[in-house]
Amino acid sequence: MREIFEKYLGFDITQGWEWNNYDPIRARAELNRIAKKRGDIAHRSWRPVIGQPTPHAVTRDDLRKNIRFIQDLVCATDDFLVAKL
């Protein structure tokens, strides 16, 4: 994502990823963690075996935290873009 913004807008959008307890480094790491988890689920999960219950890969609490993170990331990105443009 950084490369796209740097190429077309001339700045690193991730520098605006600051809110509450997040700085750009922590926000990038968290986004990468979520993307990796998504990839693991989508591309590396085995099909369920009948008669063998397995726990969900993502708990409700994880889902709520991830949704909140993405919402906050979008707000930080939008605020940064408004200030830069």
N, C-alpha and C. Protein backbone atom coordinates (compact mmCIF):
# COMPACT_ATOMS: atom_id res chain seq x y z
N MET A 1 0.82 -1.18 0.00
CA MET A 1 0.00 0.00 0.00
C MET A 1 0.87 1.25 0.00
N ARG A 2 1.93 1.22 0.79
CA ARG A 2 2.79 2.40 0.86
C ARG A 2 3.30 2.80 -0.51
N GLU A 3 3.72 1.81 -1.29
CA GLU A 3 4.29 2.09 -2.60
C GLU A 3 3.29 2.78 -3.53
N ILE A 4 2.05 2.37 -3.47
CA ILE A 4 1.02 2.97 -4.33
C ILE A 4 0.83 4.44 -3.98
N PHE A 5 0.71 4.74 -2.68
CA PHE A 5 0.54 6.13 -2.28
C PHE A 5 1.78 6.96 -2.58
N GLU A 6 2.95 6.40 -2.34
CA GLU A 6 4.17 7.13 -2.63
C GLU A 6 4.30 7.42 -4.12
N LYS A 7 3.92 6.46 -4.94
CA LYS A 7 4.03 6.63 -6.39
C LYS A 7 3.06 7.70 -6.91
N TYR A 8 1.81 7.67 -6.46
CA TYR A 8 0.81 8.56 -7.02
C TYR A 8 0.57 9.85 -6.24
N LEU A 9 0.86 9.85 -4.94
CA LEU A 9 0.63 11.05 -4.15
C LEU A 9 1.92 11.67 -3.61
N GLY A 10 3.00 10.90 -3.63
CA GLY A 10 4.28 11.42 -3.21
C GLY A 10 4.55 11.38 -1.72
N PHE A 11 3.77 10.61 -0.97
CA PHE A 11 4.04 10.46 0.46
C PHE A 11 3.60 9.09 0.94
N ASP A 12 4.13 8.73 2.12
CA ASP A 12 3.86 7.43 2.75
C ASP A 12 2.62 7.55 3.63
N ILE A 13 1.54 6.95 3.20
CA ILE A 13 0.27 7.04 3.93
C ILE A 13 0.36 6.44 5.32
N THR A 14 1.24 5.46 5.50
CA THR A 14 1.31 4.79 6.80
C THR A 14 1.85 5.72 7.89
N GLN A 15 2.47 6.83 7.51
CA GLN A 15 2.95 7.78 8.52
C GLN A 15 1.79 8.45 9.26
N GLY A 16 0.61 8.38 8.69
CA GLY A 16 -0.58 8.94 9.35
C GLY A 16 -1.31 7.94 10.24
N TRP A 17 -0.79 6.76 10.34
CA TRP A 17 -1.45 5.73 11.13
C TRP A 17 -1.07 5.86 12.60
N GLU A 18 -1.56 6.91 13.22
CA GLU A 18 -1.32 7.15 14.64
C GLU A 18 -2.64 7.47 15.32
N TRP A 19 -2.98 6.69 16.33
CA TRP A 19 -4.15 6.94 17.15
C TRP A 19 -3.99 6.12 18.43
N ASN A 20 -4.66 6.54 19.48
CA ASN A 20 -4.64 5.86 20.79
C ASN A 20 -3.27 5.25 21.08
N ASN A 21 -3.18 3.94 21.15
CA ASN A 21 -1.92 3.26 21.48
C ASN A 21 -1.18 2.77 20.25
N TYR A 22 -1.52 3.27 19.09
CA TYR A 22 -0.88 2.83 17.85
C TYR A 22 0.02 3.91 17.29
N ASP A 23 1.17 3.48 16.81
CA ASP A 23 2.04 4.32 16.01
C ASP A 23 2.15 3.63 14.64
N PRO A 24 2.77 4.26 13.64
CA PRO A 24 2.82 3.64 12.31
C PRO A 24 3.43 2.24 12.30
N ILE A 25 4.47 2.02 13.08
CA ILE A 25 5.12 0.69 13.08
C ILE A 25 4.17 -0.36 13.64
N ARG A 26 3.55 -0.07 14.75
CA ARG A 26 2.62 -1.03 15.37
C ARG A 26 1.40 -1.25 14.49
N ALA A 27 0.89 -0.19 13.87
CA ALA A 27 -0.29 -0.31 13.01
C ALA A 27 0.02 -1.18 11.79
N ARG A 28 1.20 -0.98 11.18
CA ARG A 28 1.58 -1.83 10.03
C ARG A 28 1.71 -3.28 10.46
N ALA A 29 2.32 -3.52 11.61
CA ALA A 29 2.48 -4.89 12.10
C ALA A 29 1.13 -5.55 12.35
N GLU A 30 0.20 -4.81 12.94
CA GLU A 30 -1.13 -5.36 13.21
C GLU A 30 -1.88 -5.65 11.91
N LEU A 31 -1.80 -4.75 10.95
CA LEU A 31 -2.46 -4.98 9.66
C LEU A 31 -1.85 -6.20 8.97
N ASN A 32 -0.54 -6.33 9.02
CA ASN A 32 0.12 -7.52 8.43
C ASN A 32 -0.32 -8.80 9.13
N ARG A 33 -0.47 -8.74 10.47
CA ARG A 33 -0.90 -9.92 11.23
C ARG A 33 -2.31 -10.34 10.80
N ILE A 34 -3.20 -9.36 10.66
CA ILE A 34 -4.57 -9.66 10.25
C ILE A 34 -4.59 -10.23 8.83
N ALA A 35 -3.82 -9.64 7.93
CA ALA A 35 -3.77 -10.12 6.54
C ALA A 35 -3.20 -11.54 6.47
N LYS A 36 -2.18 -11.81 7.29
CA LYS A 36 -1.62 -13.16 7.31
C LYS A 36 -2.63 -14.18 7.83
N LYS A 37 -3.33 -13.81 8.89
CA LYS A 37 -4.35 -14.70 9.45
C LYS A 37 -5.42 -14.99 8.40
N ARG A 38 -5.84 -13.96 7.69
CA ARG A 38 -6.84 -14.12 6.63
C ARG A 38 -6.32 -15.08 5.55
N GLY A 39 -5.06 -14.90 5.15
CA GLY A 39 -4.46 -15.78 4.15
C GLY A 39 -4.36 -17.21 4.63
N ASP A 40 -3.99 -17.38 5.89
CA ASP A 40 -3.91 -18.72 6.46
C ASP A 40 -5.27 -19.41 6.42
N ILE A 41 -6.29 -18.67 6.78
CA ILE A 41 -7.64 -19.24 6.80
C ILE A 41 -8.10 -19.56 5.37
N ALA A 42 -7.88 -18.63 4.46
CA ALA A 42 -8.40 -18.80 3.09
C ALA A 42 -7.63 -19.83 2.28
N HIS A 43 -6.33 -19.94 2.50
CA HIS A 43 -5.52 -20.76 1.60
C HIS A 43 -4.86 -21.96 2.23
N ARG A 44 -4.88 -22.06 3.55
CA ARG A 44 -4.17 -23.15 4.18
C ARG A 44 -5.04 -23.99 5.11
N SER A 45 -6.30 -23.66 5.19
CA SER A 45 -7.19 -24.40 6.09
C SER A 45 -7.62 -25.71 5.43
N TRP A 46 -7.76 -26.71 6.26
CA TRP A 46 -8.24 -28.00 5.78
C TRP A 46 -9.77 -28.00 5.82
N ARG A 47 -10.35 -28.79 4.97
CA ARG A 47 -11.80 -28.94 4.98
C ARG A 47 -12.22 -29.66 6.26
N PRO A 48 -13.40 -29.33 6.78
CA PRO A 48 -13.85 -30.01 8.00
C PRO A 48 -14.06 -31.50 7.76
N VAL A 49 -13.77 -32.28 8.77
CA VAL A 49 -13.98 -33.73 8.71
C VAL A 49 -15.25 -34.02 9.50
N ILE A 50 -16.17 -34.73 8.86
CA ILE A 50 -17.44 -35.04 9.49
C ILE A 50 -17.18 -35.82 10.78
N GLY A 51 -17.82 -35.39 11.85
CA GLY A 51 -17.68 -36.06 13.13
C GLY A 51 -16.52 -35.56 13.98
N GLN A 52 -15.72 -34.66 13.43
CA GLN A 52 -14.60 -34.10 14.20
C GLN A 52 -14.78 -32.58 14.30
N PRO A 53 -15.39 -32.12 15.39
CA PRO A 53 -15.58 -30.69 15.53
C PRO A 53 -14.24 -29.97 15.73
N THR A 54 -14.12 -28.83 15.09
CA THR A 54 -12.92 -28.03 15.24
C THR A 54 -13.31 -26.61 15.62
N PRO A 55 -12.50 -25.96 16.42
CA PRO A 55 -12.83 -24.58 16.80
C PRO A 55 -12.66 -23.64 15.61
N HIS A 56 -13.39 -22.56 15.65
CA HIS A 56 -13.26 -21.56 14.59
C HIS A 56 -11.87 -20.95 14.65
N ALA A 57 -11.35 -20.57 13.51
CA ALA A 57 -10.02 -19.97 13.44
C ALA A 57 -9.98 -18.58 14.06
N VAL A 58 -11.13 -17.92 14.11
CA VAL A 58 -11.22 -16.57 14.66
C VAL A 58 -12.35 -16.54 15.68
N THR A 59 -12.06 -16.06 16.87
CA THR A 59 -13.09 -15.95 17.89
C THR A 59 -13.88 -14.66 17.69
N ARG A 60 -15.02 -14.56 18.34
CA ARG A 60 -15.81 -13.33 18.25
C ARG A 60 -15.03 -12.14 18.78
N ASP A 61 -14.29 -12.37 19.85
CA ASP A 61 -13.49 -11.29 20.42
C ASP A 61 -12.42 -10.83 19.42
N ASP A 62 -11.76 -11.79 18.76
CA ASP A 62 -10.77 -11.45 17.73
C ASP A 62 -11.44 -10.64 16.62
N LEU A 63 -12.60 -11.09 16.19
CA LEU A 63 -13.31 -10.42 15.11
C LEU A 63 -13.67 -8.99 15.50
N ARG A 64 -14.17 -8.80 16.71
CA ARG A 64 -14.50 -7.45 17.17
C ARG A 64 -13.27 -6.55 17.21
N LYS A 65 -12.17 -7.09 17.72
CA LYS A 65 -10.93 -6.31 17.79
C LYS A 65 -10.42 -5.95 16.39
N ASN A 66 -10.49 -6.91 15.48
CA ASN A 66 -10.03 -6.66 14.11
C ASN A 66 -10.90 -5.62 13.40
N ILE A 67 -12.20 -5.72 13.58
CA ILE A 67 -13.10 -4.74 12.97
C ILE A 67 -12.82 -3.35 13.53
N ARG A 68 -12.65 -3.25 14.83
CA ARG A 68 -12.35 -1.96 15.46
C ARG A 68 -11.02 -1.40 14.94
N PHE A 69 -10.03 -2.26 14.82
CA PHE A 69 -8.73 -1.84 14.30
C PHE A 69 -8.87 -1.27 12.89
N ILE A 70 -9.57 -1.99 12.02
CA ILE A 70 -9.74 -1.54 10.64
C ILE A 70 -10.51 -0.21 10.60
N GLN A 71 -11.54 -0.07 11.41
CA GLN A 71 -12.29 1.19 11.46
C GLN A 71 -11.38 2.34 11.89
N ASP A 72 -10.58 2.12 12.92
CA ASP A 72 -9.66 3.15 13.39
C ASP A 72 -8.59 3.46 12.35
N LEU A 73 -8.12 2.44 11.65
CA LEU A 73 -7.12 2.62 10.60
C LEU A 73 -7.68 3.48 9.47
N VAL A 74 -8.91 3.20 9.08
CA VAL A 74 -9.56 3.98 8.02
C VAL A 74 -9.71 5.44 8.45
N CYS A 75 -10.13 5.68 9.68
CA CYS A 75 -10.28 7.06 10.18
C CYS A 75 -8.93 7.78 10.20
N ALA A 76 -7.88 7.10 10.67
CA ALA A 76 -6.55 7.71 10.71
C ALA A 76 -6.06 8.02 9.30
N THR A 77 -6.31 7.10 8.37
CA THR A 77 -5.91 7.31 6.98
C THR A 77 -6.66 8.50 6.39
N ASP A 78 -7.95 8.55 6.62
CA ASP A 78 -8.76 9.66 6.09
C ASP A 78 -8.31 10.99 6.67
N ASP A 79 -8.08 11.05 7.97
CA ASP A 79 -7.63 12.28 8.61
C ASP A 79 -6.28 12.73 8.03
N PHE A 80 -5.39 11.77 7.83
CA PHE A 80 -4.08 12.09 7.29
C PHE A 80 -4.18 12.61 5.86
N LEU A 81 -5.03 11.98 5.06
CA LEU A 81 -5.21 12.44 3.68
C LEU A 81 -5.81 13.83 3.62
N VAL A 82 -6.78 14.11 4.47
CA VAL A 82 -7.41 15.44 4.49
C VAL A 82 -6.35 16.49 4.84
N ALA A 83 -5.49 16.18 5.79
CA ALA A 83 -4.45 17.13 6.20
C ALA A 83 -3.40 17.33 5.12
N LYS A 84 -3.09 16.28 4.36
CA LYS A 84 -2.04 16.36 3.34
C LYS A 84 -2.50 16.96 2.02
N LEU A 85 -3.77 16.77 1.70
CA LEU A 85 -4.25 17.21 0.37
C LEU A 85 -4.94 18.53 0.39
